């Protein structure tokens, strides 16, 4: 159950990071893109853990 919450939080974080990247200056876009990629990777890892635990 908690792993599903973790995935949901990672998904939401990726969403907000994408909004930050799209609405801010170039200065924030590079760092935001890196953080978005990291959030996406975490989401994939958590999804994999969820599938293997079932």
PDB file of N, CA and C in Angstrom:
ATOM      1  N   UNK A   1       0.819  -1.195   0.000  1.00  0.00           N
ATOM      2  CA  UNK A   1       0.000   0.000   0.000  1.00  0.00           C
ATOM      3  C   UNK A   1       0.867   1.265   0.000  1.00  0.00           C
ATOM      4  N   UNK A   2       1.902   1.288   0.813  1.00  0.00           N
ATOM      5  CA  UNK A   2       2.741   2.481   0.906  1.00  0.00           C
ATOM      6  C   UNK A   2       3.531   2.711  -0.368  1.00  0.00           C
ATOM      7  N   UNK A   3       3.865   1.627  -1.050  1.00  0.00           N
ATOM      8  CA  UNK A   3       4.624   1.784  -2.296  1.00  0.00           C
ATOM      9  C   UNK A   3       3.775   2.487  -3.353  1.00  0.00           C
ATOM     10  N   UNK A   4       2.478   2.277  -3.318  1.00  0.00           N
ATOM     11  CA  UNK A   4       1.585   2.971  -4.245  1.00  0.00           C
ATOM     12  C   UNK A   4       1.540   4.462  -3.943  1.00  0.00           C
ATOM     13  N   UNK A   5       1.578   4.791  -2.673  1.00  0.00           N
ATOM     14  CA  UNK A   5       1.605   6.200  -2.282  1.00  0.00           C
ATOM     15  C   UNK A   5       2.906   6.843  -2.745  1.00  0.00           C
ATOM     16  N   UNK A   6       4.017   6.113  -2.603  1.00  0.00           N
ATOM     17  CA  UNK A   6       5.319   6.627  -3.062  1.00  0.00           C
ATOM     18  C   UNK A   6       5.288   6.899  -4.552  1.00  0.00           C
ATOM     19  N   UNK A   7       4.703   5.981  -5.326  1.00  0.00           N
ATOM     20  CA  UNK A   7       4.622   6.166  -6.775  1.00  0.00           C
ATOM     21  C   UNK A   7       3.772   7.379  -7.124  1.00  0.00           C
ATOM     22  N   UNK A   8       2.672   7.528  -6.411  1.00  0.00           N
ATOM     23  CA  UNK A   8       1.787   8.670  -6.652  1.00  0.00           C
ATOM     24  C   UNK A   8       2.518   9.986  -6.359  1.00  0.00           C
ATOM     25  N   UNK A   9       3.269  10.026  -5.280  1.00  0.00           N
ATOM     26  CA  UNK A   9       4.015  11.228  -4.927  1.00  0.00           C
ATOM     27  C   UNK A   9       5.106  11.534  -5.955  1.00  0.00           C
ATOM     28  N   UNK A  10       5.787  10.497  -6.439  1.00  0.00           N
ATOM     29  CA  UNK A  10       6.817  10.705  -7.467  1.00  0.00           C
ATOM     30  C   UNK A  10       6.185  11.217  -8.754  1.00  0.00           C
ATOM     31  N   UNK A  11       5.019  10.684  -9.097  1.00  0.00           N
ATOM     32  CA  UNK A  11       4.304  11.128 -10.291  1.00  0.00           C
ATOM     33  C   UNK A  11       3.891  12.593 -10.163  1.00  0.00           C
ATOM     34  N   UNK A  12       3.403  12.961  -8.991  1.00  0.00           N
ATOM     35  CA  UNK A  12       2.991  14.343  -8.759  1.00  0.00           C
ATOM     36  C   UNK A  12       4.195  15.286  -8.792  1.00  0.00           C
ATOM     37  N   UNK A  13       5.308  14.845  -8.224  1.00  0.00           N
ATOM     38  CA  UNK A  13       6.525  15.667  -8.244  1.00  0.00           C
ATOM     39  C   UNK A  13       6.989  15.908  -9.675  1.00  0.00           C
ATOM     40  N   UNK A  14       6.953  14.864 -10.499  1.00  0.00           N
ATOM     41  CA  UNK A  14       7.351  15.008 -11.903  1.00  0.00           C
ATOM     42  C   UNK A  14       6.435  16.001 -12.617  1.00  0.00           C
ATOM     43  N   UNK A  15       5.158  15.960 -12.308  1.00  0.00           N
ATOM     44  CA  UNK A  15       4.202  16.889 -12.912  1.00  0.00           C
ATOM     45  C   UNK A  15       4.558  18.337 -12.560  1.00  0.00           C
ATOM     46  N   UNK A  16       4.774  18.604 -11.278  1.00  0.00           N
ATOM     47  CA  UNK A  16       5.079  19.976 -10.860  1.00  0.00           C
ATOM     48  C   UNK A  16       6.416  20.439 -11.401  1.00  0.00           C
ATOM     49  N   UNK A  17       7.382  19.544 -11.488  1.00  0.00           N
ATOM     50  CA  UNK A  17       8.677  19.911 -12.060  1.00  0.00           C
ATOM     51  C   UNK A  17       8.535  20.262 -13.540  1.00  0.00           C
ATOM     52  N   UNK A  18       7.707  19.522 -14.262  1.00  0.00           N
ATOM     53  CA  UNK A  18       7.461  19.853 -15.669  1.00  0.00           C
ATOM     54  C   UNK A  18       6.852  21.241 -15.797  1.00  0.00           C
ATOM     55  N   UNK A  19       5.935  21.582 -14.901  1.00  0.00           N
ATOM     56  CA  UNK A  19       5.339  22.924 -14.931  1.00  0.00           C
ATOM     57  C   UNK A  19       6.379  23.997 -14.670  1.00  0.00           C
ATOM     58  N   UNK A  20       7.268  23.743 -13.740  1.00  0.00           N
ATOM     59  CA  UNK A  20       8.332  24.696 -13.440  1.00  0.00           C
ATOM     60  C   UNK A  20       9.217  24.903 -14.659  1.00  0.00           C
ATOM     61  N   UNK A  21       9.573  23.817 -15.322  1.00  0.00           N
ATOM     62  CA  UNK A  21      10.440  23.900 -16.498  1.00  0.00           C
ATOM     63  C   UNK A  21       9.772  24.703 -17.606  1.00  0.00           C
ATOM     64  N   UNK A  22       8.490  24.468 -17.817  1.00  0.00           N
ATOM     65  CA  UNK A  22       7.787  25.117 -18.919  1.00  0.00           C
ATOM     66  C   UNK A  22       7.486  26.594 -18.674  1.00  0.00           C
ATOM     67  N   UNK A  23       7.434  27.008 -17.414  1.00  0.00           N
ATOM     68  CA  UNK A  23       6.998  28.372 -17.137  1.00  0.00           C
ATOM     69  C   UNK A  23       8.097  29.310 -16.648  1.00  0.00           C
ATOM     70  N   UNK A  24       9.330  28.855 -16.569  1.00  0.00           N
ATOM     71  CA  UNK A  24      10.398  29.700 -16.043  1.00  0.00           C
ATOM     72  C   UNK A  24      11.484  29.964 -17.071  1.00  0.00           C
ATOM     73  N   UNK A  25      12.429  30.797 -16.659  1.00  0.00           N
ATOM     74  CA  UNK A  25      13.533  31.197 -17.515  1.00  0.00           C
ATOM     75  C   UNK A  25      14.474  30.032 -17.800  1.00  0.00           C
ATOM     76  N   UNK A  26      15.396  30.287 -18.700  1.00  0.00           N
ATOM     77  CA  UNK A  26      16.371  29.273 -19.114  1.00  0.00           C
ATOM     78  C   UNK A  26      17.220  28.789 -17.940  1.00  0.00           C
ATOM     79  N   UNK A  27      17.469  29.671 -17.003  1.00  0.00           N
ATOM     80  CA  UNK A  27      18.283  29.324 -15.841  1.00  0.00           C
ATOM     81  C   UNK A  27      17.697  28.110 -15.102  1.00  0.00           C
ATOM     82  N   UNK A  28      16.394  28.068 -14.964  1.00  0.00           N
ATOM     83  CA  UNK A  28      15.745  26.998 -14.225  1.00  0.00           C
ATOM     84  C   UNK A  28      15.430  25.789 -15.094  1.00  0.00           C
ATOM     85  N   UNK A  29      15.421  25.975 -16.388  1.00  0.00           N
ATOM     86  CA  UNK A  29      15.036  24.885 -17.276  1.00  0.00           C
ATOM     87  C   UNK A  29      16.018  23.722 -17.234  1.00  0.00           C
ATOM     88  N   UNK A  30      17.313  24.037 -17.193  1.00  0.00           N
ATOM     89  CA  UNK A  30      18.311  22.953 -17.182  1.00  0.00           C
ATOM     90  C   UNK A  30      18.226  22.140 -15.899  1.00  0.00           C
ATOM     91  N   UNK A  31      18.200  22.824 -14.788  1.00  0.00           N
ATOM     92  CA  UNK A  31      18.118  22.120 -13.514  1.00  0.00           C
ATOM     93  C   UNK A  31      16.775  21.405 -13.368  1.00  0.00           C
ATOM     94  N   UNK A  32      15.717  22.058 -13.803  1.00  0.00           N
ATOM     95  CA  UNK A  32      14.393  21.447 -13.745  1.00  0.00           C
ATOM     96  C   UNK A  32      14.293  20.209 -14.604  1.00  0.00           C
ATOM     97  N   UNK A  33      14.921  20.236 -15.772  1.00  0.00           N
ATOM     98  CA  UNK A  33      14.910  19.064 -16.647  1.00  0.00           C
ATOM     99  C   UNK A  33      15.637  17.895 -15.988  1.00  0.00           C
ATOM    100  N   UNK A  34      16.748  18.180 -15.332  1.00  0.00           N
ATOM    101  CA  UNK A  34      17.468  17.120 -14.623  1.00  0.00           C
ATOM    102  C   UNK A  34      16.625  16.526 -13.500  1.00  0.00           C
ATOM    103  N   UNK A  35      15.958  17.389 -12.756  1.00  0.00           N
ATOM    104  CA  UNK A  35      15.115  16.910 -11.663  1.00  0.00           C
ATOM    105  C   UNK A  35      13.903  16.143 -12.184  1.00  0.00           C
ATOM    106  N   UNK A  36      13.356  16.579 -13.309  1.00  0.00           N
ATOM    107  CA  UNK A  36      12.234  15.863 -13.913  1.00  0.00           C
ATOM    108  C   UNK A  36      12.649  14.460 -14.329  1.00  0.00           C
ATOM    109  N   UNK A  37      13.816  14.346 -14.925  1.00  0.00           N
ATOM    110  CA  UNK A  37      14.326  13.024 -15.310  1.00  0.00           C
ATOM    111  C   UNK A  37      14.527  12.142 -14.088  1.00  0.00           C
ATOM    112  N   UNK A  38      15.029  12.713 -13.036  1.00  0.00           N
ATOM    113  CA  UNK A  38      15.242  11.950 -11.808  1.00  0.00           C
ATOM    114  C   UNK A  38      13.919  11.470 -11.216  1.00  0.00           C
ATOM    115  N   UNK A  39      12.914  12.334 -11.210  1.00  0.00           N
ATOM    116  CA  UNK A  39      11.594  11.956 -10.693  1.00  0.00           C
ATOM    117  C   UNK A  39      10.977  10.852 -11.550  1.00  0.00           C
ATOM    118  N   UNK A  40      11.181  10.932 -12.848  1.00  0.00           N
ATOM    119  CA  UNK A  40      10.666   9.896 -13.740  1.00  0.00           C
ATOM    120  C   UNK A  40      11.358   8.562 -13.486  1.00  0.00           C
ATOM    121  N   UNK A  41      12.660   8.595 -13.277  1.00  0.00           N
ATOM    122  CA  UNK A  41      13.393   7.363 -12.973  1.00  0.00           C
ATOM    123  C   UNK A  41      12.917   6.761 -11.651  1.00  0.00           C
ATOM    124  N   UNK A  42      12.706   7.612 -10.653  1.00  0.00           N
ATOM    125  CA  UNK A  42      12.195   7.109  -9.373  1.00  0.00           C
ATOM    126  C   UNK A  42      10.824   6.472  -9.535  1.00  0.00           C
ATOM    127  N   UNK A  43       9.985   7.093 -10.346  1.00  0.00           N
ATOM    128  CA  UNK A  43       8.646   6.550 -10.595  1.00  0.00           C
ATOM    129  C   UNK A  43       8.740   5.159 -11.225  1.00  0.00           C
ATOM    130  N   UNK A  44       9.670   4.993 -12.162  1.00  0.00           N
ATOM    131  CA  UNK A  44       9.852   3.693 -12.811  1.00  0.00           C
ATOM    132  C   UNK A  44      10.375   2.647 -11.832  1.00  0.00           C
ATOM    133  N   UNK A  45      11.312   3.041 -10.982  1.00  0.00           N
ATOM    134  CA  UNK A  45      11.865   2.120  -9.987  1.00  0.00           C
ATOM    135  C   UNK A  45      10.780   1.676  -9.009  1.00  0.00           C
ATOM    136  N   UNK A  46      10.002   2.631  -8.535  1.00  0.00           N
ATOM    137  CA  UNK A  46       8.938   2.319  -7.583  1.00  0.00           C
ATOM    138  C   UNK A  46       7.878   1.436  -8.227  1.00  0.00           C
ATOM    139  N   UNK A  47       7.565   1.677  -9.491  1.00  0.00           N
ATOM    140  CA  UNK A  47       6.605   0.841 -10.202  1.00  0.00           C
ATOM    141  C   UNK A  47       7.113  -0.588 -10.314  1.00  0.00           C
ATOM    142  N   UNK A  48       8.392  -0.720 -10.585  1.00  0.00           N
ATOM    143  CA  UNK A  48       9.000  -2.050 -10.688  1.00  0.00           C
ATOM    144  C   UNK A  48       8.939  -2.787  -9.353  1.00  0.00           C
ATOM    145  N   UNK A  49       9.223  -2.091  -8.279  1.00  0.00           N
ATOM    146  CA  UNK A  49       9.139  -2.695  -6.949  1.00  0.00           C
ATOM    147  C   UNK A  49       7.715  -3.149  -6.664  1.00  0.00           C
ATOM    148  N   UNK A  50       6.758  -2.311  -7.032  1.00  0.00           N
ATOM    149  CA  UNK A  50       5.356  -2.648  -6.817  1.00  0.00           C
ATOM    150  C   UNK A  50       4.967  -3.903  -7.590  1.00  0.00           C
ATOM    151  N   UNK A  51       5.378  -4.005  -8.834  1.00  0.00           N
ATOM    152  CA  UNK A  51       5.045  -5.184  -9.643  1.00  0.00           C
ATOM    153  C   UNK A  51       5.676  -6.459  -9.080  1.00  0.00           C
ATOM    154  N   UNK A  52       6.909  -6.366  -8.622  1.00  0.00           N
ATOM    155  CA  UNK A  52       7.606  -7.538  -8.093  1.00  0.00           C
ATOM    156  C   UNK A  52       7.104  -7.958  -6.729  1.00  0.00           C
ATOM    157  N   UNK A  53       6.510  -7.053  -5.991  1.00  0.00           N
ATOM    158  CA  UNK A  53       6.029  -7.400  -4.651  1.00  0.00           C
ATOM    159  C   UNK A  53       4.653  -8.049  -4.680  1.00  0.00           C
ATOM    160  N   UNK A  54       3.991  -8.006  -5.796  1.00  0.00           N
ATOM    161  CA  UNK A  54       2.633  -8.588  -5.857  1.00  0.00           C
ATOM    162  C   UNK A  54       2.643 -10.049  -6.183  1.00  0.00           C
TER     163      UNK A  54
END
